[in-house]
């Protein structure tokens, strides 16, 4: 084998490895210090009801999918459109291993939680 193809491979393999993890990055979440009172209420609800199973600052899975950038993507991890109707349905009725929270969150709490999820 001539040196030229080897040199090409020596350049292309590291370049492919470097660019493989380079997808469109998501904008950062809103800092806690900048949350509105409603978003802060939603953060508190998230901490008590959701944080045990979902990471807020990562797309990595804990027990359920990570929620970073939840509304900044077109689709939820389930493949459903990323909108309030679909997220509300999952929260109220549960999904797969996620239990339903319809009896644990009133409309005000749910709206605050959705407001916080929009900041991720």
PDB file of N, CA and C in Angstrom:
ATOM      1  N   UNK A   1       0.849  -1.169   0.000  1.00  0.00           N
ATOM      2  CA  UNK A   1       0.000   0.000   0.000  1.00  0.00           C
ATOM      3  C   UNK A   1       0.895   1.232   0.000  1.00  0.00           C
ATOM      4  N   UNK A   2       0.578   2.206  -0.817  1.00  0.00           N
ATOM      5  CA  UNK A   2       1.414   3.402  -0.892  1.00  0.00           C
ATOM      6  C   UNK A   2       1.167   4.296   0.325  1.00  0.00           C
ATOM      7  N   UNK A   3       2.098   5.171   0.653  1.00  0.00           N
ATOM      8  CA  UNK A   3       1.954   6.043   1.822  1.00  0.00           C
ATOM      9  C   UNK A   3       0.780   7.002   1.714  1.00  0.00           C
ATOM     10  N   UNK A   4       0.383   7.369   0.512  1.00  0.00           N
ATOM     11  CA  UNK A   4      -0.691   8.357   0.350  1.00  0.00           C
ATOM     12  C   UNK A   4      -2.025   7.871   0.938  1.00  0.00           C
ATOM     13  N   UNK A   5      -2.515   6.640   0.620  1.00  0.00           N
ATOM     14  CA  UNK A   5      -3.747   6.165   1.242  1.00  0.00           C
ATOM     15  C   UNK A   5      -3.630   6.044   2.760  1.00  0.00           C
ATOM     16  N   UNK A   6      -2.466   5.658   3.257  1.00  0.00           N
ATOM     17  CA  UNK A   6      -2.286   5.571   4.703  1.00  0.00           C
ATOM     18  C   UNK A   6      -2.382   6.940   5.355  1.00  0.00           C
ATOM     19  N   UNK A   7      -1.817   7.944   4.696  1.00  0.00           N
ATOM     20  CA  UNK A   7      -1.892   9.298   5.218  1.00  0.00           C
ATOM     21  C   UNK A   7      -3.345   9.778   5.230  1.00  0.00           C
ATOM     22  N   UNK A   8      -4.072   9.455   4.181  1.00  0.00           N
ATOM     23  CA  UNK A   8      -5.484   9.841   4.115  1.00  0.00           C
ATOM     24  C   UNK A   8      -6.271   9.208   5.255  1.00  0.00           C
ATOM     25  N   UNK A   9      -6.030   7.926   5.502  1.00  0.00           N
ATOM     26  CA  UNK A   9      -6.712   7.252   6.602  1.00  0.00           C
ATOM     27  C   UNK A   9      -6.309   7.853   7.941  1.00  0.00           C
ATOM     28  N   UNK A  10      -5.060   8.219   8.078  1.00  0.00           N
ATOM     29  CA  UNK A  10      -4.578   8.807   9.325  1.00  0.00           C
ATOM     30  C   UNK A  10      -5.260  10.139   9.607  1.00  0.00           C
ATOM     31  N   UNK A  11      -5.676  10.830   8.588  1.00  0.00           N
ATOM     32  CA  UNK A  11      -6.370  12.104   8.757  1.00  0.00           C
ATOM     33  C   UNK A  11      -7.877  11.884   8.900  1.00  0.00           C
ATOM     34  N   UNK A  12      -8.443  11.006   8.098  1.00  0.00           N
ATOM     35  CA  UNK A  12      -9.895  10.833   8.068  1.00  0.00           C
ATOM     36  C   UNK A  12     -10.452  10.149   9.317  1.00  0.00           C
ATOM     37  N   UNK A  13      -9.760   9.162   9.848  1.00  0.00           N
ATOM     38  CA  UNK A  13     -10.287   8.442  11.013  1.00  0.00           C
ATOM     39  C   UNK A  13     -10.429   9.367  12.224  1.00  0.00           C
ATOM     40  N   UNK A  14      -9.398  10.135  12.609  1.00  0.00           N
ATOM     41  CA  UNK A  14      -9.597  11.057  13.742  1.00  0.00           C
ATOM     42  C   UNK A  14     -10.651  12.125  13.445  1.00  0.00           C
ATOM     43  N   UNK A  15     -10.694  12.590  12.195  1.00  0.00           N
ATOM     44  CA  UNK A  15     -11.687  13.596  11.835  1.00  0.00           C
ATOM     45  C   UNK A  15     -13.098  13.036  11.984  1.00  0.00           C
ATOM     46  N   UNK A  16     -13.314  11.802  11.545  1.00  0.00           N
ATOM     47  CA  UNK A  16     -14.632  11.169  11.680  1.00  0.00           C
ATOM     48  C   UNK A  16     -14.986  10.991  13.152  1.00  0.00           C
ATOM     49  N   UNK A  17     -14.030  10.591  13.957  1.00  0.00           N
ATOM     50  CA  UNK A  17     -14.288  10.412  15.388  1.00  0.00           C
ATOM     51  C   UNK A  17     -14.617  11.745  16.042  1.00  0.00           C
ATOM     52  N   UNK A  18     -13.939  12.802  15.624  1.00  0.00           N
ATOM     53  CA  UNK A  18     -14.175  14.123  16.202  1.00  0.00           C
ATOM     54  C   UNK A  18     -15.559  14.646  15.835  1.00  0.00           C
ATOM     55  N   UNK A  19     -15.959  14.481  14.579  1.00  0.00           N
ATOM     56  CA  UNK A  19     -17.227  15.032  14.127  1.00  0.00           C
ATOM     57  C   UNK A  19     -18.418  14.150  14.456  1.00  0.00           C
ATOM     58  N   UNK A  20     -18.207  12.900  14.853  1.00  0.00           N
ATOM     59  CA  UNK A  20     -19.322  11.992  15.135  1.00  0.00           C
ATOM     60  C   UNK A  20     -20.196  12.512  16.265  1.00  0.00           C
ATOM     61  N   UNK A  21     -19.609  13.112  17.276  1.00  0.00           N
ATOM     62  CA  UNK A  21     -20.386  13.621  18.395  1.00  0.00           C
ATOM     63  C   UNK A  21     -20.870  15.034  18.188  1.00  0.00           C
ATOM     64  N   UNK A  22     -20.592  15.594  17.046  1.00  0.00           N
ATOM     65  CA  UNK A  22     -20.949  16.983  16.781  1.00  0.00           C
ATOM     66  C   UNK A  22     -22.286  17.048  16.073  1.00  0.00           C
ATOM     67  N   UNK A  23     -23.332  17.125  16.823  1.00  0.00           N
ATOM     68  CA  UNK A  23     -24.642  17.349  16.247  1.00  0.00           C
ATOM     69  C   UNK A  23     -25.049  18.758  16.606  1.00  0.00           C
ATOM     70  N   UNK A  24     -26.221  19.167  16.218  1.00  0.00           N
ATOM     71  CA  UNK A  24     -26.646  20.496  16.613  1.00  0.00           C
ATOM     72  C   UNK A  24     -26.764  20.551  18.137  1.00  0.00           C
ATOM     73  N   UNK A  25     -26.093  21.496  18.734  1.00  0.00           N
ATOM     74  CA  UNK A  25     -26.160  21.587  20.191  1.00  0.00           C
ATOM     75  C   UNK A  25     -27.385  22.391  20.594  1.00  0.00           C
ATOM     76  N   UNK A  26     -27.911  22.057  21.754  1.00  0.00           N
ATOM     77  CA  UNK A  26     -29.091  22.738  22.256  1.00  0.00           C
ATOM     78  C   UNK A  26     -28.677  23.971  23.045  1.00  0.00           C
ATOM     79  N   UNK A  27     -29.475  25.026  22.990  1.00  0.00           N
ATOM     80  CA  UNK A  27     -29.167  26.183  23.814  1.00  0.00           C
ATOM     81  C   UNK A  27     -29.214  25.791  25.294  1.00  0.00           C
ATOM     82  N   UNK A  28     -28.453  26.475  26.134  1.00  0.00           N
ATOM     83  CA  UNK A  28     -28.449  26.113  27.555  1.00  0.00           C
ATOM     84  C   UNK A  28     -29.796  26.394  28.212  1.00  0.00           C
ATOM     85  N   UNK A  29     -30.026  25.715  29.308  1.00  0.00           N
ATOM     86  CA  UNK A  29     -31.238  25.948  30.093  1.00  0.00           C
ATOM     87  C   UNK A  29     -31.163  27.324  30.736  1.00  0.00           C
ATOM     88  N   UNK A  30     -32.306  27.858  31.068  1.00  0.00           N
ATOM     89  CA  UNK A  30     -32.369  29.142  31.754  1.00  0.00           C
ATOM     90  C   UNK A  30     -31.794  28.983  33.161  1.00  0.00           C
ATOM     91  N   UNK A  31     -30.875  29.850  33.582  1.00  0.00           N
ATOM     92  CA  UNK A  31     -30.313  29.727  34.934  1.00  0.00           C
ATOM     93  C   UNK A  31     -31.395  29.854  36.013  1.00  0.00           C
ATOM     94  N   UNK A  32     -31.227  29.113  37.099  1.00  0.00           N
ATOM     95  CA  UNK A  32     -32.216  29.136  38.193  1.00  0.00           C
ATOM     96  C   UNK A  32     -32.461  30.543  38.709  1.00  0.00           C
ATOM     97  N   UNK A  33     -31.422  31.354  38.781  1.00  0.00           N
ATOM     98  CA  UNK A  33     -31.558  32.718  39.305  1.00  0.00           C
ATOM     99  C   UNK A  33     -32.440  33.590  38.422  1.00  0.00           C
ATOM    100  N   UNK A  34     -32.670  33.182  37.179  1.00  0.00           N
ATOM    101  CA  UNK A  34     -33.468  33.975  36.249  1.00  0.00           C
ATOM    102  C   UNK A  34     -34.892  33.448  36.068  1.00  0.00           C
ATOM    103  N   UNK A  35     -35.267  32.407  36.800  1.00  0.00           N
ATOM    104  CA  UNK A  35     -36.618  31.857  36.664  1.00  0.00           C
ATOM    105  C   UNK A  35     -37.645  32.828  37.202  1.00  0.00           C
ATOM    106  N   UNK A  36     -38.781  32.903  36.523  1.00  0.00           N
ATOM    107  CA  UNK A  36     -39.910  33.687  37.025  1.00  0.00           C
ATOM    108  C   UNK A  36     -40.492  32.965  38.242  1.00  0.00           C
ATOM    109  N   UNK A  37     -41.371  33.621  39.009  1.00  0.00           N
ATOM    110  CA  UNK A  37     -41.982  32.925  40.150  1.00  0.00           C
ATOM    111  C   UNK A  37     -42.722  31.640  39.748  1.00  0.00           C
ATOM    112  N   UNK A  38     -43.408  31.649  38.622  1.00  0.00           N
ATOM    113  CA  UNK A  38     -44.132  30.449  38.175  1.00  0.00           C
ATOM    114  C   UNK A  38     -43.145  29.360  37.758  1.00  0.00           C
ATOM    115  N   UNK A  39     -42.096  29.737  37.036  1.00  0.00           N
ATOM    116  CA  UNK A  39     -41.078  28.758  36.643  1.00  0.00           C
ATOM    117  C   UNK A  39     -40.381  28.188  37.876  1.00  0.00           C
ATOM    118  N   UNK A  40     -40.155  29.030  38.883  1.00  0.00           N
ATOM    119  CA  UNK A  40     -39.519  28.566  40.122  1.00  0.00           C
ATOM    120  C   UNK A  40     -40.433  27.572  40.845  1.00  0.00           C
ATOM    121  N   UNK A  41     -41.732  27.851  40.851  1.00  0.00           N
ATOM    122  CA  UNK A  41     -42.699  26.905  41.431  1.00  0.00           C
ATOM    123  C   UNK A  41     -42.620  25.576  40.673  1.00  0.00           C
ATOM    124  N   UNK A  42     -42.528  25.646  39.354  1.00  0.00           N
ATOM    125  CA  UNK A  42     -42.404  24.444  38.538  1.00  0.00           C
ATOM    126  C   UNK A  42     -41.111  23.702  38.815  1.00  0.00           C
ATOM    127  N   UNK A  43     -40.032  24.437  39.051  1.00  0.00           N
ATOM    128  CA  UNK A  43     -38.754  23.820  39.409  1.00  0.00           C
ATOM    129  C   UNK A  43     -38.895  23.049  40.715  1.00  0.00           C
ATOM    130  N   UNK A  44     -39.550  23.656  41.704  1.00  0.00           N
ATOM    131  CA  UNK A  44     -39.746  22.992  42.997  1.00  0.00           C
ATOM    132  C   UNK A  44     -40.568  21.706  42.831  1.00  0.00           C
ATOM    133  N   UNK A  45     -41.600  21.761  42.005  1.00  0.00           N
ATOM    134  CA  UNK A  45     -42.414  20.571  41.728  1.00  0.00           C
ATOM    135  C   UNK A  45     -41.562  19.528  41.017  1.00  0.00           C
ATOM    136  N   UNK A  46     -40.770  19.958  40.050  1.00  0.00           N
ATOM    137  CA  UNK A  46     -39.877  19.046  39.338  1.00  0.00           C
ATOM    138  C   UNK A  46     -38.955  18.328  40.323  1.00  0.00           C
ATOM    139  N   UNK A  47     -38.373  19.081  41.252  1.00  0.00           N
ATOM    140  CA  UNK A  47     -37.438  18.497  42.211  1.00  0.00           C
ATOM    141  C   UNK A  47     -38.107  17.429  43.076  1.00  0.00           C
ATOM    142  N   UNK A  48     -39.353  17.650  43.473  1.00  0.00           N
ATOM    143  CA  UNK A  48     -40.021  16.680  44.349  1.00  0.00           C
ATOM    144  C   UNK A  48     -40.685  15.535  43.586  1.00  0.00           C
ATOM    145  N   UNK A  49     -41.135  15.772  42.362  1.00  0.00           N
ATOM    146  CA  UNK A  49     -41.914  14.764  41.635  1.00  0.00           C
ATOM    147  C   UNK A  49     -41.179  14.088  40.476  1.00  0.00           C
ATOM    148  N   UNK A  50     -40.201  14.784  39.892  1.00  0.00           N
ATOM    149  CA  UNK A  50     -39.639  14.306  38.619  1.00  0.00           C
ATOM    150  C   UNK A  50     -38.145  13.977  38.672  1.00  0.00           C
ATOM    151  N   UNK A  51     -37.406  14.685  39.511  1.00  0.00           N
ATOM    152  CA  UNK A  51     -35.938  14.588  39.492  1.00  0.00           C
ATOM    153  C   UNK A  51     -35.426  13.199  39.857  1.00  0.00           C
ATOM    154  N   UNK A  52     -36.209  12.399  40.541  1.00  0.00           N
ATOM    155  CA  UNK A  52     -35.778  11.050  40.877  1.00  0.00           C
ATOM    156  C   UNK A  52     -35.689  10.126  39.672  1.00  0.00           C
ATOM    157  N   UNK A  53     -36.350  10.515  38.586  1.00  0.00           N
ATOM    158  CA  UNK A  53     -36.361   9.661  37.387  1.00  0.00           C
ATOM    159  C   UNK A  53     -35.844  10.354  36.125  1.00  0.00           C
ATOM    160  N   UNK A  54     -35.797  11.681  36.115  1.00  0.00           N
ATOM    161  CA  UNK A  54     -35.407  12.423  34.913  1.00  0.00           C
ATOM    162  C   UNK A  54     -34.341  13.457  35.245  1.00  0.00           C
ATOM    163  N   UNK A  55     -33.269  13.469  34.454  1.00  0.00           N
ATOM    164  CA  UNK A  55     -32.287  14.556  34.542  1.00  0.00           C
ATOM    165  C   UNK A  55     -32.857  15.785  33.843  1.00  0.00           C
ATOM    166  N   UNK A  56     -32.678  16.951  34.446  1.00  0.00           N
ATOM    167  CA  UNK A  56     -33.110  18.190  33.807  1.00  0.00           C
ATOM    168  C   UNK A  56     -32.017  18.771  32.921  1.00  0.00           C
ATOM    169  N   UNK A  57     -30.766  18.596  33.300  1.00  0.00           N
ATOM    170  CA  UNK A  57     -29.652  19.226  32.608  1.00  0.00           C
ATOM    171  C   UNK A  57     -28.892  18.258  31.701  1.00  0.00           C
ATOM    172  N   UNK A  58     -29.551  17.179  31.290  1.00  0.00           N
ATOM    173  CA  UNK A  58     -28.900  16.188  30.447  1.00  0.00           C
ATOM    174  C   UNK A  58     -29.953  15.477  29.612  1.00  0.00           C
ATOM    175  N   UNK A  59     -29.523  14.980  28.472  1.00  0.00           N
ATOM    176  CA  UNK A  59     -30.405  14.153  27.657  1.00  0.00           C
ATOM    177  C   UNK A  59     -30.205  12.678  27.975  1.00  0.00           C
ATOM    178  N   UNK A  60     -29.277  12.395  28.884  1.00  0.00           N
ATOM    179  CA  UNK A  60     -29.021  11.018  29.295  1.00  0.00           C
ATOM    180  C   UNK A  60     -30.173  10.492  30.129  1.00  0.00           C
ATOM    181  N   UNK A  61     -30.395   9.214  30.041  1.00  0.00           N
ATOM    182  CA  UNK A  61     -31.477   8.581  30.775  1.00  0.00           C
ATOM    183  C   UNK A  61     -31.063   8.303  32.216  1.00  0.00           C
ATOM    184  N   UNK A  62     -31.978   8.523  33.146  1.00  0.00           N
ATOM    185  CA  UNK A  62     -31.815   8.102  34.533  1.00  0.00           C
ATOM    186  C   UNK A  62     -32.689   6.857  34.654  1.00  0.00           C
ATOM    187  N   UNK A  63     -33.941   7.014  35.055  1.00  0.00           N
ATOM    188  CA  UNK A  63     -34.917   5.920  34.966  1.00  0.00           C
ATOM    189  C   UNK A  63     -35.851   6.196  33.794  1.00  0.00           C
ATOM    190  N   UNK A  64     -36.023   7.466  33.504  1.00  0.00           N
ATOM    191  CA  UNK A  64     -36.766   7.932  32.343  1.00  0.00           C
ATOM    192  C   UNK A  64     -35.834   8.800  31.526  1.00  0.00           C
ATOM    193  N   UNK A  65     -36.271   9.279  30.378  1.00  0.00           N
ATOM    194  CA  UNK A  65     -35.387  10.062  29.517  1.00  0.00           C
ATOM    195  C   UNK A  65     -34.967  11.375  30.151  1.00  0.00           C
ATOM    196  N   UNK A  66     -33.763  11.830  29.784  1.00  0.00           N
ATOM    197  CA  UNK A  66     -33.316  13.151  30.196  1.00  0.00           C
ATOM    198  C   UNK A  66     -34.167  14.210  29.523  1.00  0.00           C
ATOM    199  N   UNK A  67     -34.382  15.335  30.195  1.00  0.00           N
ATOM    200  CA  UNK A  67     -35.320  16.336  29.693  1.00  0.00           C
ATOM    201  C   UNK A  67     -34.664  17.613  29.185  1.00  0.00           C
ATOM    202  N   UNK A  68     -33.332  17.661  29.147  1.00  0.00           N
ATOM    203  CA  UNK A  68     -32.674  18.856  28.641  1.00  0.00           C
ATOM    204  C   UNK A  68     -33.169  19.148  27.233  1.00  0.00           C
ATOM    205  N   UNK A  69     -33.556  20.381  26.988  1.00  0.00           N
ATOM    206  CA  UNK A  69     -33.996  20.781  25.659  1.00  0.00           C
ATOM    207  C   UNK A  69     -35.306  20.160  25.228  1.00  0.00           C
ATOM    208  N   UNK A  70     -36.123  19.742  26.185  1.00  0.00           N
ATOM    209  CA  UNK A  70     -37.367  19.032  25.884  1.00  0.00           C
ATOM    210  C   UNK A  70     -38.190  19.721  24.797  1.00  0.00           C
ATOM    211  N   UNK A  71     -38.389  21.020  24.925  1.00  0.00           N
ATOM    212  CA  UNK A  71     -39.204  21.753  23.954  1.00  0.00           C
ATOM    213  C   UNK A  71     -38.367  22.393  22.852  1.00  0.00           C
ATOM    214  N   UNK A  72     -37.065  22.210  22.888  1.00  0.00           N
ATOM    215  CA  UNK A  72     -36.202  22.793  21.862  1.00  0.00           C
ATOM    216  C   UNK A  72     -35.979  21.820  20.712  1.00  0.00           C
ATOM    217  N   UNK A  73     -36.554  20.651  20.836  1.00  0.00           N
ATOM    218  CA  UNK A  73     -36.479  19.642  19.781  1.00  0.00           C
ATOM    219  C   UNK A  73     -37.880  19.471  19.196  1.00  0.00           C
ATOM    220  N   UNK A  74     -37.960  18.917  18.022  1.00  0.00           N
ATOM    221  CA  UNK A  74     -39.275  18.724  17.382  1.00  0.00           C
ATOM    222  C   UNK A  74     -40.073  17.600  18.019  1.00  0.00           C
ATOM    223  N   UNK A  75     -39.348  16.576  18.539  1.00  0.00           N
ATOM    224  CA  UNK A  75     -40.037  15.395  19.038  1.00  0.00           C
ATOM    225  C   UNK A  75     -39.578  15.036  20.443  1.00  0.00           C
ATOM    226  N   UNK A  76     -40.491  14.466  21.202  1.00  0.00           N
ATOM    227  CA  UNK A  76     -40.181  13.930  22.516  1.00  0.00           C
ATOM    228  C   UNK A  76     -39.437  12.613  22.342  1.00  0.00           C
ATOM    229  N   UNK A  77     -38.803  12.110  23.399  1.00  0.00           N
ATOM    230  CA  UNK A  77     -38.125  10.810  23.280  1.00  0.00           C
ATOM    231  C   UNK A  77     -39.055   9.690  22.795  1.00  0.00           C
ATOM    232  N   UNK A  78     -40.356   9.829  23.042  1.00  0.00           N
ATOM    233  CA  UNK A  78     -41.314   8.812  22.598  1.00  0.00           C
ATOM    234  C   UNK A  78     -41.591   8.874  21.102  1.00  0.00           C
ATOM    235  N   UNK A  79     -41.178   9.983  20.460  1.00  0.00           N
ATOM    236  CA  UNK A  79     -41.467  10.186  19.046  1.00  0.00           C
ATOM    237  C   UNK A  79     -42.657  11.089  18.816  1.00  0.00           C
ATOM    238  N   UNK A  80     -43.403  11.404  19.878  1.00  0.00           N
ATOM    239  CA  UNK A  80     -44.550  12.316  19.765  1.00  0.00           C
ATOM    240  C   UNK A  80     -44.047  13.751  19.600  1.00  0.00           C
ATOM    241  N   UNK A  81     -44.861  14.622  19.027  1.00  0.00           N
ATOM    242  CA  UNK A  81     -44.443  16.019  18.897  1.00  0.00           C
ATOM    243  C   UNK A  81     -44.156  16.632  20.275  1.00  0.00           C
ATOM    244  N   UNK A  82     -43.150  17.484  20.329  1.00  0.00           N
ATOM    245  CA  UNK A  82     -42.789  18.153  21.584  1.00  0.00           C
ATOM    246  C   UNK A  82     -43.686  19.375  21.762  1.00  0.00           C
ATOM    247  N   UNK A  83     -44.832  19.155  22.391  1.00  0.00           N
ATOM    248  CA  UNK A  83     -45.751  20.264  22.669  1.00  0.00           C
ATOM    249  C   UNK A  83     -46.435  20.035  24.017  1.00  0.00           C
ATOM    250  N   UNK A  84     -47.095  21.068  24.510  1.00  0.00           N
ATOM    251  CA  UNK A  84     -47.722  20.989  25.833  1.00  0.00           C
ATOM    252  C   UNK A  84     -48.778  19.899  25.921  1.00  0.00           C
ATOM    253  N   UNK A  85     -49.532  19.680  24.859  1.00  0.00           N
ATOM    254  CA  UNK A  85     -50.581  18.650  24.903  1.00  0.00           C
ATOM    255  C   UNK A  85     -49.976  17.264  25.149  1.00  0.00           C
ATOM    256  N   UNK A  86     -48.910  16.945  24.436  1.00  0.00           N
ATOM    257  CA  UNK A  86     -48.286  15.616  24.581  1.00  0.00           C
ATOM    258  C   UNK A  86     -47.596  15.464  25.928  1.00  0.00           C
ATOM    259  N   UNK A  87     -46.904  16.521  26.378  1.00  0.00           N
ATOM    260  CA  UNK A  87     -46.220  16.451  27.672  1.00  0.00           C
ATOM    261  C   UNK A  87     -47.249  16.364  28.794  1.00  0.00           C
ATOM    262  N   UNK A  88     -48.314  17.145  28.714  1.00  0.00           N
ATOM    263  CA  UNK A  88     -49.388  17.096  29.714  1.00  0.00           C
ATOM    264  C   UNK A  88     -49.997  15.703  29.776  1.00  0.00           C
ATOM    265  N   UNK A  89     -50.249  15.116  28.617  1.00  0.00           N
ATOM    266  CA  UNK A  89     -50.815  13.766  28.577  1.00  0.00           C
ATOM    267  C   UNK A  89     -49.894  12.757  29.271  1.00  0.00           C
ATOM    268  N   UNK A  90     -48.590  12.850  29.003  1.00  0.00           N
ATOM    269  CA  UNK A  90     -47.637  11.928  29.636  1.00  0.00           C
ATOM    270  C   UNK A  90     -47.601  12.129  31.149  1.00  0.00           C
ATOM    271  N   UNK A  91     -47.645  13.380  31.589  1.00  0.00           N
ATOM    272  CA  UNK A  91     -47.613  13.657  33.029  1.00  0.00           C
ATOM    273  C   UNK A  91     -48.898  13.167  33.696  1.00  0.00           C
ATOM    274  N   UNK A  92     -50.029  13.501  33.121  1.00  0.00           N
ATOM    275  CA  UNK A  92     -51.316  13.130  33.740  1.00  0.00           C
ATOM    276  C   UNK A  92     -51.575  11.620  33.699  1.00  0.00           C
ATOM    277  N   UNK A  93     -51.283  10.993  32.573  1.00  0.00           N
ATOM    278  CA  UNK A  93     -51.671   9.597  32.378  1.00  0.00           C
ATOM    279  C   UNK A  93     -50.530   8.599  32.492  1.00  0.00           C
ATOM    280  N   UNK A  94     -49.306   9.095  32.604  1.00  0.00           N
ATOM    281  CA  UNK A  94     -48.159   8.203  32.656  1.00  0.00           C
ATOM    282  C   UNK A  94     -47.829   7.685  31.271  1.00  0.00           C
ATOM    283  N   UNK A  95     -46.712   6.978  31.191  1.00  0.00           N
ATOM    284  CA  UNK A  95     -46.295   6.419  29.906  1.00  0.00           C
ATOM    285  C   UNK A  95     -45.240   5.366  30.187  1.00  0.00           C
ATOM    286  N   UNK A  96     -45.390   4.199  29.642  1.00  0.00           N
ATOM    287  CA  UNK A  96     -44.452   3.088  29.861  1.00  0.00           C
ATOM    288  C   UNK A  96     -44.260   2.887  31.368  1.00  0.00           C
ATOM    289  N   UNK A  97     -43.061   3.133  31.894  1.00  0.00           N
ATOM    290  CA  UNK A  97     -42.798   2.936  33.319  1.00  0.00           C
ATOM    291  C   UNK A  97     -43.164   4.150  34.166  1.00  0.00           C
ATOM    292  N   UNK A  98     -43.494   5.269  33.529  1.00  0.00           N
ATOM    293  CA  UNK A  98     -43.829   6.485  34.278  1.00  0.00           C
ATOM    294  C   UNK A  98     -45.244   6.384  34.845  1.00  0.00           C
ATOM    295  N   UNK A  99     -45.381   6.601  36.160  1.00  0.00           N
ATOM    296  CA  UNK A  99     -46.718   6.546  36.749  1.00  0.00           C
ATOM    297  C   UNK A  99     -47.530   7.795  36.403  1.00  0.00           C
ATOM    298  N   UNK A 100     -48.850   7.701  36.457  1.00  0.00           N
ATOM    299  CA  UNK A 100     -49.681   8.886  36.216  1.00  0.00           C
ATOM    300  C   UNK A 100     -49.646   9.824  37.416  1.00  0.00           C
ATOM    301  N   UNK A 101     -49.706  11.117  37.133  1.00  0.00           N
ATOM    302  CA  UNK A 101     -49.718  12.125  38.199  1.00  0.00           C
ATOM    303  C   UNK A 101     -51.025  12.929  38.199  1.00  0.00           C
ATOM    304  N   UNK A 102     -52.051  12.418  37.541  1.00  0.00           N
ATOM    305  CA  UNK A 102     -53.314  13.170  37.450  1.00  0.00           C
ATOM    306  C   UNK A 102     -53.929  13.447  38.809  1.00  0.00           C
ATOM    307  N   UNK A 103     -53.691  12.589  39.789  1.00  0.00           N
ATOM    308  CA  UNK A 103     -54.254  12.801  41.121  1.00  0.00           C
ATOM    309  C   UNK A 103     -53.278  13.499  42.065  1.00  0.00           C
ATOM    310  N   UNK A 104     -52.078  13.814  41.571  1.00  0.00           N
ATOM    311  CA  UNK A 104     -51.058  14.410  42.422  1.00  0.00           C
ATOM    312  C   UNK A 104     -50.735  15.856  42.082  1.00  0.00           C
ATOM    313  N   UNK A 105     -51.184  16.325  40.928  1.00  0.00           N
ATOM    314  CA  UNK A 105     -50.900  17.694  40.502  1.00  0.00           C
ATOM    315  C   UNK A 105     -52.199  18.371  40.091  1.00  0.00           C
ATOM    316  N   UNK A 106     -52.482  19.533  40.695  1.00  0.00           N
ATOM    317  CA  UNK A 106     -53.649  20.282  40.228  1.00  0.00           C
ATOM    318  C   UNK A 106     -53.233  21.090  38.987  1.00  0.00           C
ATOM    319  N   UNK A 107     -54.183  21.765  38.361  1.00  0.00           N
ATOM    320  CA  UNK A 107     -53.900  22.488  37.115  1.00  0.00           C
ATOM    321  C   UNK A 107     -52.833  23.559  37.311  1.00  0.00           C
ATOM    322  N   UNK A 108     -52.847  24.242  38.450  1.00  0.00           N
ATOM    323  CA  UNK A 108     -51.848  25.274  38.723  1.00  0.00           C
ATOM    324  C   UNK A 108     -50.444  24.668  38.804  1.00  0.00           C
ATOM    325  N   UNK A 109     -50.321  23.549  39.515  1.00  0.00           N
ATOM    326  CA  UNK A 109     -49.024  22.868  39.623  1.00  0.00           C
ATOM    327  C   UNK A 109     -48.562  22.359  38.259  1.00  0.00           C
ATOM    328  N   UNK A 110     -49.472  21.802  37.495  1.00  0.00           N
ATOM    329  CA  UNK A 110     -49.122  21.286  36.173  1.00  0.00           C
ATOM    330  C   UNK A 110     -48.644  22.420  35.272  1.00  0.00           C
ATOM    331  N   UNK A 111     -49.348  23.552  35.290  1.00  0.00           N
ATOM    332  CA  UNK A 111     -48.944  24.689  34.461  1.00  0.00           C
ATOM    333  C   UNK A 111     -47.583  25.228  34.885  1.00  0.00           C
ATOM    334  N   UNK A 112     -47.318  25.259  36.183  1.00  0.00           N
ATOM    335  CA  UNK A 112     -46.016  25.702  36.665  1.00  0.00           C
ATOM    336  C   UNK A 112     -44.928  24.724  36.222  1.00  0.00           C
ATOM    337  N   UNK A 113     -45.190  23.435  36.301  1.00  0.00           N
ATOM    338  CA  UNK A 113     -44.229  22.441  35.871  1.00  0.00           C
ATOM    339  C   UNK A 113     -43.943  22.574  34.389  1.00  0.00           C
ATOM    340  N   UNK A 114     -44.969  22.772  33.574  1.00  0.00           N
ATOM    341  CA  UNK A 114     -44.771  22.967  32.139  1.00  0.00           C
ATOM    342  C   UNK A 114     -43.938  24.218  31.873  1.00  0.00           C
ATOM    343  N   UNK A 115     -44.205  25.288  32.641  1.00  0.00           N
ATOM    344  CA  UNK A 115     -43.424  26.527  32.476  1.00  0.00           C
ATOM    345  C   UNK A 115     -41.953  26.252  32.752  1.00  0.00           C
ATOM    346  N   UNK A 116     -41.655  25.482  33.796  1.00  0.00           N
ATOM    347  CA  UNK A 116     -40.264  25.145  34.101  1.00  0.00           C
ATOM    348  C   UNK A 116     -39.664  24.269  32.990  1.00  0.00           C
ATOM    349  N   UNK A 117     -40.401  23.281  32.523  1.00  0.00           N
ATOM    350  CA  UNK A 117     -39.872  22.400  31.475  1.00  0.00           C
ATOM    351  C   UNK A 117     -39.526  23.181  30.210  1.00  0.00           C
ATOM    352  N   UNK A 118     -40.240  24.261  29.963  1.00  0.00           N
ATOM    353  CA  UNK A 118     -39.928  25.113  28.801  1.00  0.00           C
ATOM    354  C   UNK A 118     -38.585  25.826  28.968  1.00  0.00           C
ATOM    355  N   UNK A 119     -38.087  25.933  30.193  1.00  0.00           N
ATOM    356  CA  UNK A 119     -36.807  26.618  30.415  1.00  0.00           C
ATOM    357  C   UNK A 119     -35.606  25.705  30.204  1.00  0.00           C
ATOM    358  N   UNK A 120     -35.852  24.410  30.090  1.00  0.00           N
ATOM    359  CA  UNK A 120     -34.741  23.461  29.975  1.00  0.00           C
ATOM    360  C   UNK A 120     -34.105  23.481  28.593  1.00  0.00           C
TER     361      UNK A 120
END
